[in-house]
N, C-alpha and C. Protein backbone atom coordinates (compact mmCIF):
# COMPACT_ATOMS: atom_id res chain seq x y z
N UNK A 1 19.10 -5.72 37.91
CA UNK A 1 19.49 -4.85 38.97
C UNK A 1 18.31 -4.53 39.89
N UNK A 2 18.47 -4.69 41.18
CA UNK A 2 17.40 -4.40 42.12
C UNK A 2 17.48 -2.96 42.57
N UNK A 3 16.35 -2.25 42.44
CA UNK A 3 16.34 -0.87 42.86
C UNK A 3 16.29 -0.73 44.33
N UNK A 4 17.18 0.17 44.91
CA UNK A 4 17.10 0.40 46.38
C UNK A 4 15.90 1.19 46.71
N UNK A 5 15.31 0.96 47.81
CA UNK A 5 14.10 1.69 48.22
C UNK A 5 14.46 3.17 48.50
N UNK A 6 13.46 3.97 48.37
CA UNK A 6 13.56 5.43 48.68
C UNK A 6 12.45 5.78 49.62
N UNK A 7 12.82 6.33 50.74
CA UNK A 7 11.88 6.77 51.76
C UNK A 7 11.94 8.24 52.06
N UNK A 8 10.84 8.78 52.48
CA UNK A 8 10.75 10.10 52.98
C UNK A 8 10.52 10.01 54.45
N UNK A 9 11.23 10.93 55.21
CA UNK A 9 11.02 10.94 56.71
C UNK A 9 10.79 12.36 57.06
N UNK A 10 9.56 12.59 57.61
CA UNK A 10 9.15 13.94 58.01
C UNK A 10 9.25 14.04 59.52
N UNK A 11 9.83 15.17 59.98
CA UNK A 11 10.05 15.33 61.45
C UNK A 11 9.45 16.71 61.85
N UNK A 12 8.62 16.63 62.87
CA UNK A 12 8.09 17.88 63.46
C UNK A 12 9.19 18.48 64.39
N UNK A 13 9.33 19.81 64.39
CA UNK A 13 10.37 20.41 65.11
C UNK A 13 10.02 20.74 66.57
N UNK A 14 8.83 20.55 67.03
CA UNK A 14 8.52 20.73 68.47
C UNK A 14 9.17 19.57 69.10
N UNK A 15 9.93 19.86 70.13
CA UNK A 15 10.69 18.78 70.87
C UNK A 15 11.68 18.05 69.92
N UNK A 16 12.33 18.85 69.09
CA UNK A 16 13.18 18.32 67.99
C UNK A 16 14.22 17.37 68.53
N UNK A 17 14.86 17.68 69.65
CA UNK A 17 15.94 16.85 70.18
C UNK A 17 15.43 15.47 70.49
N UNK A 18 14.13 15.28 70.80
CA UNK A 18 13.57 14.00 71.03
C UNK A 18 13.11 13.34 69.78
N UNK A 19 12.36 14.09 68.99
CA UNK A 19 11.77 13.63 67.75
C UNK A 19 12.87 13.14 66.80
N UNK A 20 13.96 13.84 66.74
CA UNK A 20 15.08 13.43 65.81
C UNK A 20 15.58 12.04 66.11
N UNK A 21 15.38 11.54 67.27
CA UNK A 21 15.85 10.16 67.60
C UNK A 21 15.07 9.07 66.79
N UNK A 22 13.89 9.43 66.31
CA UNK A 22 13.18 8.48 65.43
C UNK A 22 13.92 8.20 64.14
N UNK A 23 14.46 9.33 63.57
CA UNK A 23 15.26 9.22 62.38
C UNK A 23 16.53 8.38 62.70
N UNK A 24 17.13 8.57 63.84
CA UNK A 24 18.30 7.80 64.21
C UNK A 24 17.95 6.32 64.24
N UNK A 25 16.83 5.96 64.87
CA UNK A 25 16.38 4.55 64.93
C UNK A 25 16.07 4.06 63.51
N UNK A 26 15.42 4.84 62.69
CA UNK A 26 15.06 4.39 61.32
C UNK A 26 16.27 4.04 60.51
N UNK A 27 17.25 5.06 60.46
CA UNK A 27 18.47 4.80 59.68
C UNK A 27 19.29 3.66 60.27
N UNK A 28 19.44 3.62 61.58
CA UNK A 28 20.20 2.57 62.20
C UNK A 28 19.62 1.18 61.82
N UNK A 29 18.31 1.02 61.83
CA UNK A 29 17.70 -0.26 61.53
C UNK A 29 17.97 -0.68 60.00
N UNK A 30 17.92 0.35 59.12
CA UNK A 30 18.21 0.02 57.74
C UNK A 30 19.62 -0.49 57.60
N UNK A 31 20.52 0.20 58.36
CA UNK A 31 21.96 -0.18 58.23
C UNK A 31 22.17 -1.58 58.84
N UNK A 32 21.45 -1.87 59.97
CA UNK A 32 21.62 -3.23 60.58
C UNK A 32 21.17 -4.32 59.59
N UNK A 33 20.21 -4.05 58.82
CA UNK A 33 19.69 -5.00 57.86
C UNK A 33 20.43 -4.95 56.61
N UNK A 34 21.38 -4.05 56.43
CA UNK A 34 22.19 -3.98 55.16
C UNK A 34 21.39 -3.44 54.00
N UNK A 35 20.38 -2.62 54.28
CA UNK A 35 19.57 -2.04 53.28
C UNK A 35 20.13 -0.75 52.76
N UNK A 36 20.50 -0.65 51.51
CA UNK A 36 21.07 0.58 50.97
C UNK A 36 19.91 1.42 50.44
N UNK A 37 19.19 2.16 51.35
CA UNK A 37 18.05 2.93 51.00
C UNK A 37 18.40 4.46 50.99
N UNK A 38 17.73 5.14 50.21
CA UNK A 38 17.81 6.59 50.26
C UNK A 38 16.73 7.05 51.20
N UNK A 39 17.02 7.96 52.17
CA UNK A 39 16.10 8.51 53.07
C UNK A 39 16.19 10.05 52.94
N UNK A 40 15.20 10.59 52.33
CA UNK A 40 15.10 12.09 52.26
C UNK A 40 14.42 12.62 53.50
N UNK A 41 15.00 13.60 54.13
CA UNK A 41 14.51 14.10 55.45
C UNK A 41 13.90 15.45 55.22
N UNK A 42 12.69 15.68 55.81
CA UNK A 42 12.00 16.95 55.73
C UNK A 42 11.61 17.32 57.15
N UNK A 43 11.93 18.57 57.48
CA UNK A 43 11.51 19.16 58.74
C UNK A 43 10.34 20.13 58.51
N UNK A 44 9.31 20.00 59.49
CA UNK A 44 8.18 20.89 59.45
C UNK A 44 8.06 21.51 60.79
N UNK A 45 7.39 22.65 60.96
CA UNK A 45 7.28 23.34 62.24
C UNK A 45 6.66 22.46 63.37
N UNK A 46 5.60 21.79 63.03
CA UNK A 46 4.92 20.98 64.04
C UNK A 46 4.23 19.86 63.41
N UNK A 47 3.58 19.02 64.21
CA UNK A 47 2.88 17.83 63.78
C UNK A 47 1.80 18.10 62.76
N UNK A 48 1.05 19.28 63.03
CA UNK A 48 -0.11 19.60 62.14
C UNK A 48 0.32 19.72 60.68
N UNK A 49 1.57 20.10 60.43
CA UNK A 49 1.97 20.30 59.05
C UNK A 49 2.41 19.01 58.37
N UNK A 50 2.46 17.92 59.06
CA UNK A 50 3.00 16.66 58.48
C UNK A 50 2.07 16.04 57.40
N UNK A 51 0.78 15.98 57.62
CA UNK A 51 -0.15 15.31 56.58
C UNK A 51 -0.03 15.92 55.26
N UNK A 52 -0.10 17.28 55.10
CA UNK A 52 -0.01 17.90 53.77
C UNK A 52 1.26 17.58 53.05
N UNK A 53 2.37 17.62 53.81
CA UNK A 53 3.59 17.42 53.23
C UNK A 53 3.66 15.92 52.79
N UNK A 54 3.12 15.02 53.64
CA UNK A 54 3.07 13.58 53.25
C UNK A 54 2.36 13.32 51.98
N UNK A 55 1.29 14.08 51.83
CA UNK A 55 0.48 13.92 50.61
C UNK A 55 1.19 14.47 49.39
N UNK A 56 1.80 15.60 49.57
CA UNK A 56 2.62 16.20 48.42
C UNK A 56 3.76 15.23 48.02
N UNK A 57 4.45 14.71 49.03
CA UNK A 57 5.55 13.77 48.75
C UNK A 57 5.02 12.53 48.08
N UNK A 58 3.94 11.96 48.54
CA UNK A 58 3.31 10.77 47.99
C UNK A 58 2.88 10.98 46.55
N UNK A 59 2.38 12.16 46.23
CA UNK A 59 2.03 12.49 44.93
C UNK A 59 3.16 12.54 43.91
N UNK A 60 4.34 12.65 44.37
CA UNK A 60 5.49 12.64 43.41
C UNK A 60 5.79 11.30 42.84
N UNK A 61 5.39 10.25 43.56
CA UNK A 61 5.64 8.87 43.13
C UNK A 61 7.08 8.47 43.31
N UNK A 62 7.81 9.29 44.01
CA UNK A 62 9.21 9.04 44.27
C UNK A 62 9.51 8.04 45.40
N UNK A 63 8.63 7.83 46.27
CA UNK A 63 8.92 7.18 47.51
C UNK A 63 8.20 5.77 47.65
N UNK A 64 8.89 4.86 48.22
CA UNK A 64 8.33 3.54 48.55
C UNK A 64 7.44 3.64 49.77
N UNK A 65 7.72 4.54 50.71
CA UNK A 65 6.93 4.72 51.87
C UNK A 65 7.40 6.07 52.52
N UNK A 66 6.55 6.63 53.39
CA UNK A 66 6.82 7.91 53.99
C UNK A 66 6.58 7.67 55.48
N UNK A 67 7.55 8.09 56.35
CA UNK A 67 7.35 8.07 57.78
C UNK A 67 7.23 9.50 58.33
N UNK A 68 6.44 9.70 59.35
CA UNK A 68 6.25 11.01 59.85
C UNK A 68 6.38 10.95 61.39
N UNK A 69 7.27 11.68 62.00
CA UNK A 69 7.47 11.57 63.45
C UNK A 69 7.16 12.98 64.18
N UNK A 70 6.50 12.89 65.32
CA UNK A 70 6.19 14.00 66.10
C UNK A 70 5.94 13.59 67.55
N UNK A 71 6.16 14.53 68.43
CA UNK A 71 5.76 14.34 69.86
C UNK A 71 4.73 15.41 70.16
N UNK A 72 3.51 14.95 70.36
CA UNK A 72 2.41 15.88 70.62
C UNK A 72 2.05 15.79 72.09
N UNK A 73 2.36 16.87 72.80
CA UNK A 73 2.16 16.79 74.27
C UNK A 73 1.10 17.79 74.75
N UNK A 74 0.57 17.54 75.93
CA UNK A 74 -0.42 18.42 76.55
C UNK A 74 0.30 19.66 77.13
N UNK A 75 0.13 20.76 76.38
CA UNK A 75 0.80 21.98 76.84
C UNK A 75 -0.01 22.76 77.76
N UNK A 76 -1.26 22.28 78.09
CA UNK A 76 -2.12 23.02 78.99
C UNK A 76 -2.98 24.06 78.37
N UNK A 77 -2.75 24.37 77.14
CA UNK A 77 -3.50 25.48 76.40
C UNK A 77 -4.60 24.86 75.50
N UNK A 78 -4.32 23.75 74.91
CA UNK A 78 -5.22 23.12 74.03
C UNK A 78 -5.24 21.60 74.37
N UNK A 79 -6.29 20.90 73.78
CA UNK A 79 -6.38 19.48 73.96
C UNK A 79 -5.53 18.78 72.95
N UNK A 80 -4.39 18.25 73.39
CA UNK A 80 -3.43 17.62 72.49
C UNK A 80 -3.95 16.46 71.82
N UNK A 81 -4.96 15.82 72.40
CA UNK A 81 -5.56 14.62 71.74
C UNK A 81 -6.25 14.99 70.46
N UNK A 82 -6.89 16.18 70.41
CA UNK A 82 -7.49 16.59 69.13
C UNK A 82 -6.45 16.82 68.01
N UNK A 83 -5.32 17.43 68.41
CA UNK A 83 -4.27 17.63 67.43
C UNK A 83 -3.76 16.24 66.97
N UNK A 84 -3.47 15.37 67.89
CA UNK A 84 -2.97 14.07 67.54
C UNK A 84 -3.91 13.33 66.63
N UNK A 85 -5.23 13.41 66.92
CA UNK A 85 -6.19 12.63 66.08
C UNK A 85 -6.21 13.25 64.67
N UNK A 86 -6.20 14.55 64.58
CA UNK A 86 -6.17 15.21 63.30
C UNK A 86 -4.95 14.81 62.46
N UNK A 87 -3.81 14.74 63.11
CA UNK A 87 -2.54 14.42 62.46
C UNK A 87 -2.56 12.97 61.97
N UNK A 88 -3.00 12.02 62.83
CA UNK A 88 -2.99 10.60 62.41
C UNK A 88 -4.07 10.41 61.26
N UNK A 89 -5.17 11.07 61.39
CA UNK A 89 -6.22 10.96 60.34
C UNK A 89 -5.68 11.50 58.98
N UNK A 90 -5.03 12.67 59.12
CA UNK A 90 -4.43 13.29 57.91
C UNK A 90 -3.37 12.47 57.28
N UNK A 91 -2.48 11.79 58.11
CA UNK A 91 -1.49 10.91 57.52
C UNK A 91 -2.10 9.75 56.81
N UNK A 92 -3.18 9.14 57.43
CA UNK A 92 -3.85 7.99 56.79
C UNK A 92 -4.54 8.41 55.52
N UNK A 93 -5.08 9.58 55.48
CA UNK A 93 -5.75 10.12 54.29
C UNK A 93 -4.70 10.40 53.19
N UNK A 94 -3.51 10.86 53.54
CA UNK A 94 -2.48 11.06 52.58
C UNK A 94 -2.06 9.78 51.91
N UNK A 95 -1.91 8.75 52.65
CA UNK A 95 -1.61 7.43 52.13
C UNK A 95 -2.68 6.88 51.22
N UNK A 96 -3.92 7.01 51.70
CA UNK A 96 -5.08 6.52 50.87
C UNK A 96 -5.20 7.29 49.59
N UNK A 97 -4.92 8.62 49.61
CA UNK A 97 -5.09 9.45 48.42
C UNK A 97 -3.96 9.11 47.40
N UNK A 98 -2.79 8.89 47.89
CA UNK A 98 -1.63 8.78 47.02
C UNK A 98 -1.29 7.31 46.65
N UNK A 99 -1.75 6.36 47.48
CA UNK A 99 -1.32 4.97 47.27
C UNK A 99 0.10 4.67 47.80
N UNK A 100 0.72 5.65 48.45
CA UNK A 100 2.04 5.44 49.06
C UNK A 100 1.81 5.26 50.59
N UNK A 101 2.33 4.13 51.10
CA UNK A 101 2.20 3.91 52.59
C UNK A 101 2.80 5.07 53.40
N UNK A 102 1.99 5.59 54.35
CA UNK A 102 2.40 6.68 55.24
C UNK A 102 2.39 6.11 56.63
N UNK A 103 3.48 6.13 57.36
CA UNK A 103 3.60 5.53 58.62
C UNK A 103 3.74 6.65 59.70
N UNK A 104 3.04 6.47 60.74
CA UNK A 104 3.11 7.44 61.85
C UNK A 104 4.05 6.95 63.00
N UNK A 105 5.01 7.81 63.32
CA UNK A 105 5.85 7.66 64.45
C UNK A 105 5.55 8.81 65.40
N UNK A 106 4.25 9.01 65.62
CA UNK A 106 3.83 10.12 66.44
C UNK A 106 3.38 9.58 67.79
N UNK A 107 4.00 10.20 68.83
CA UNK A 107 3.66 9.80 70.16
C UNK A 107 2.90 10.91 70.85
N UNK A 108 1.92 10.55 71.63
CA UNK A 108 1.04 11.50 72.34
C UNK A 108 0.92 11.02 73.82
N UNK A 109 1.97 11.28 74.60
CA UNK A 109 1.92 10.89 75.98
C UNK A 109 0.89 11.67 76.83
N UNK A 110 0.31 11.00 77.75
CA UNK A 110 -0.63 11.62 78.69
C UNK A 110 0.03 12.54 79.64
N UNK A 111 1.29 12.17 79.99
CA UNK A 111 2.02 13.02 80.95
C UNK A 111 3.41 13.21 80.40
N UNK A 112 3.74 14.42 80.11
CA UNK A 112 5.14 14.76 79.66
C UNK A 112 5.54 16.03 80.37
N UNK A 113 6.71 15.94 81.00
CA UNK A 113 7.34 17.10 81.68
C UNK A 113 8.71 17.23 81.05
N UNK A 114 9.15 18.46 80.86
CA UNK A 114 10.47 18.71 80.31
C UNK A 114 11.57 18.45 81.32
N UNK A 115 11.56 17.30 81.92
CA UNK A 115 12.52 16.87 82.92
C UNK A 115 13.53 15.94 82.22
N UNK A 116 14.67 15.72 82.83
CA UNK A 116 15.68 14.86 82.24
C UNK A 116 15.18 13.45 82.13
N UNK A 117 14.43 13.03 83.14
CA UNK A 117 13.90 11.62 83.13
C UNK A 117 12.96 11.43 81.93
N UNK A 118 12.03 12.39 81.68
CA UNK A 118 11.11 12.16 80.53
C UNK A 118 11.87 12.42 79.20
N UNK A 119 12.80 13.31 79.13
CA UNK A 119 13.59 13.56 78.00
C UNK A 119 14.32 12.29 77.59
N UNK A 120 14.96 11.66 78.51
CA UNK A 120 15.71 10.46 78.33
C UNK A 120 14.82 9.28 77.92
N UNK A 121 13.72 9.15 78.61
CA UNK A 121 12.73 8.01 78.27
C UNK A 121 12.20 8.18 76.90
N UNK A 122 11.71 9.34 76.53
CA UNK A 122 11.12 9.50 75.21
C UNK A 122 12.12 9.49 74.11
N UNK A 123 13.35 10.00 74.37
CA UNK A 123 14.36 9.91 73.39
C UNK A 123 14.68 8.44 73.04
N UNK A 124 14.84 7.61 74.02
CA UNK A 124 15.07 6.17 73.81
C UNK A 124 13.90 5.51 73.13
N UNK A 125 12.73 5.92 73.47
CA UNK A 125 11.50 5.36 72.92
C UNK A 125 11.36 5.66 71.43
N UNK A 126 11.71 6.95 71.08
CA UNK A 126 11.71 7.30 69.66
C UNK A 126 12.70 6.54 68.83
N UNK A 127 13.86 6.22 69.36
CA UNK A 127 14.79 5.39 68.61
C UNK A 127 14.10 3.98 68.30
N UNK A 128 13.49 3.47 69.34
CA UNK A 128 12.80 2.16 69.11
C UNK A 128 11.67 2.28 68.09
N UNK A 129 10.84 3.34 68.19
CA UNK A 129 9.82 3.55 67.22
C UNK A 129 10.29 3.81 65.81
N UNK A 130 11.40 4.51 65.69
CA UNK A 130 12.01 4.67 64.37
C UNK A 130 12.41 3.39 63.76
N UNK A 131 13.00 2.50 64.56
CA UNK A 131 13.46 1.18 64.06
C UNK A 131 12.19 0.38 63.63
N UNK A 132 11.16 0.45 64.42
CA UNK A 132 9.96 -0.20 64.01
C UNK A 132 9.36 0.35 62.75
N UNK A 133 9.45 1.63 62.55
CA UNK A 133 8.97 2.29 61.36
C UNK A 133 9.78 1.77 60.12
N UNK A 134 11.07 1.64 60.33
CA UNK A 134 11.92 1.18 59.19
C UNK A 134 11.54 -0.24 58.87
N UNK A 135 11.30 -1.12 59.77
CA UNK A 135 10.78 -2.49 59.55
C UNK A 135 9.45 -2.39 58.76
N UNK A 136 8.58 -1.58 59.23
CA UNK A 136 7.18 -1.51 58.56
C UNK A 136 7.41 -0.96 57.20
N UNK A 137 8.25 0.06 56.96
CA UNK A 137 8.44 0.70 55.68
C UNK A 137 8.96 -0.39 54.67
N UNK A 138 9.87 -1.20 55.13
CA UNK A 138 10.40 -2.23 54.29
C UNK A 138 9.33 -3.32 53.97
N UNK A 139 8.62 -3.73 54.97
CA UNK A 139 7.55 -4.76 54.75
C UNK A 139 6.49 -4.28 53.84
N UNK A 140 5.95 -3.15 54.10
CA UNK A 140 4.83 -2.69 53.32
C UNK A 140 5.29 -2.26 51.95
N UNK A 141 6.38 -1.73 51.69
CA UNK A 141 6.80 -1.39 50.37
C UNK A 141 7.13 -2.62 49.58
N UNK A 142 7.69 -3.67 50.18
CA UNK A 142 7.91 -4.97 49.53
C UNK A 142 6.58 -5.58 49.12
N UNK A 143 5.58 -5.49 49.98
CA UNK A 143 4.28 -6.08 49.70
C UNK A 143 3.65 -5.38 48.48
N UNK A 144 3.74 -4.05 48.55
CA UNK A 144 3.14 -3.29 47.39
C UNK A 144 3.84 -3.55 46.07
N UNK A 145 5.20 -3.64 46.20
CA UNK A 145 5.98 -3.94 44.97
C UNK A 145 5.67 -5.36 44.42
N UNK A 146 5.53 -6.26 45.32
CA UNK A 146 5.11 -7.61 44.90
C UNK A 146 3.74 -7.68 44.29
N UNK A 147 2.80 -6.90 44.84
CA UNK A 147 1.46 -6.85 44.27
C UNK A 147 1.48 -6.23 42.83
N UNK A 148 2.33 -5.24 42.57
CA UNK A 148 2.44 -4.66 41.28
C UNK A 148 3.08 -5.64 40.28
N UNK A 149 4.11 -6.35 40.75
CA UNK A 149 4.80 -7.31 39.90
C UNK A 149 3.97 -8.47 39.55
N UNK A 150 3.06 -8.82 40.47
CA UNK A 150 2.24 -10.05 40.30
C UNK A 150 0.87 -9.73 39.68
N UNK A 151 0.63 -8.38 39.47
CA UNK A 151 -0.67 -8.04 38.86
C UNK A 151 -0.81 -8.65 37.55
N UNK A 152 -1.92 -9.17 37.30
CA UNK A 152 -2.22 -9.83 36.03
C UNK A 152 -2.60 -8.80 34.95
N UNK A 153 -1.96 -8.87 33.83
CA UNK A 153 -2.31 -7.95 32.71
C UNK A 153 -3.76 -8.16 32.31
N UNK A 154 -4.37 -7.10 31.88
CA UNK A 154 -5.78 -7.20 31.41
C UNK A 154 -5.86 -8.09 30.21
N UNK A 155 -6.86 -8.84 30.14
CA UNK A 155 -7.13 -9.75 28.98
C UNK A 155 -7.43 -9.01 27.67
């Protein structure tokens, strides 16, 4: 019997109506491929909270891969590029620490306005990025599973 993959999907709640579209793309892509995967969804207040949760989820050993989605925009008060860099670095460190692949579906546009045009553009873009994350989650989890199965037993 082949075990179905289990993924965690973390979503930051800032710009939730846009960020949620990444999960739509992720689940849609799995369905298109006929993959019967479990996707556990976790909401966090903002992007900055994603790396610690990714690490805690990875430590459980329950997931084949973890995806984390956020839209980090320049709000004019702080430098969003610093936040984005901290988040991506934290996600990478979570994966390295736990051995579970952690995928970033985090976008940091240089120019974002709460207009219908930008809302529509980024919503569509997150669907695409979610689908790409599903592809990556499947590929990387299959690679790691193959590596474990093909590992040579110690002499």
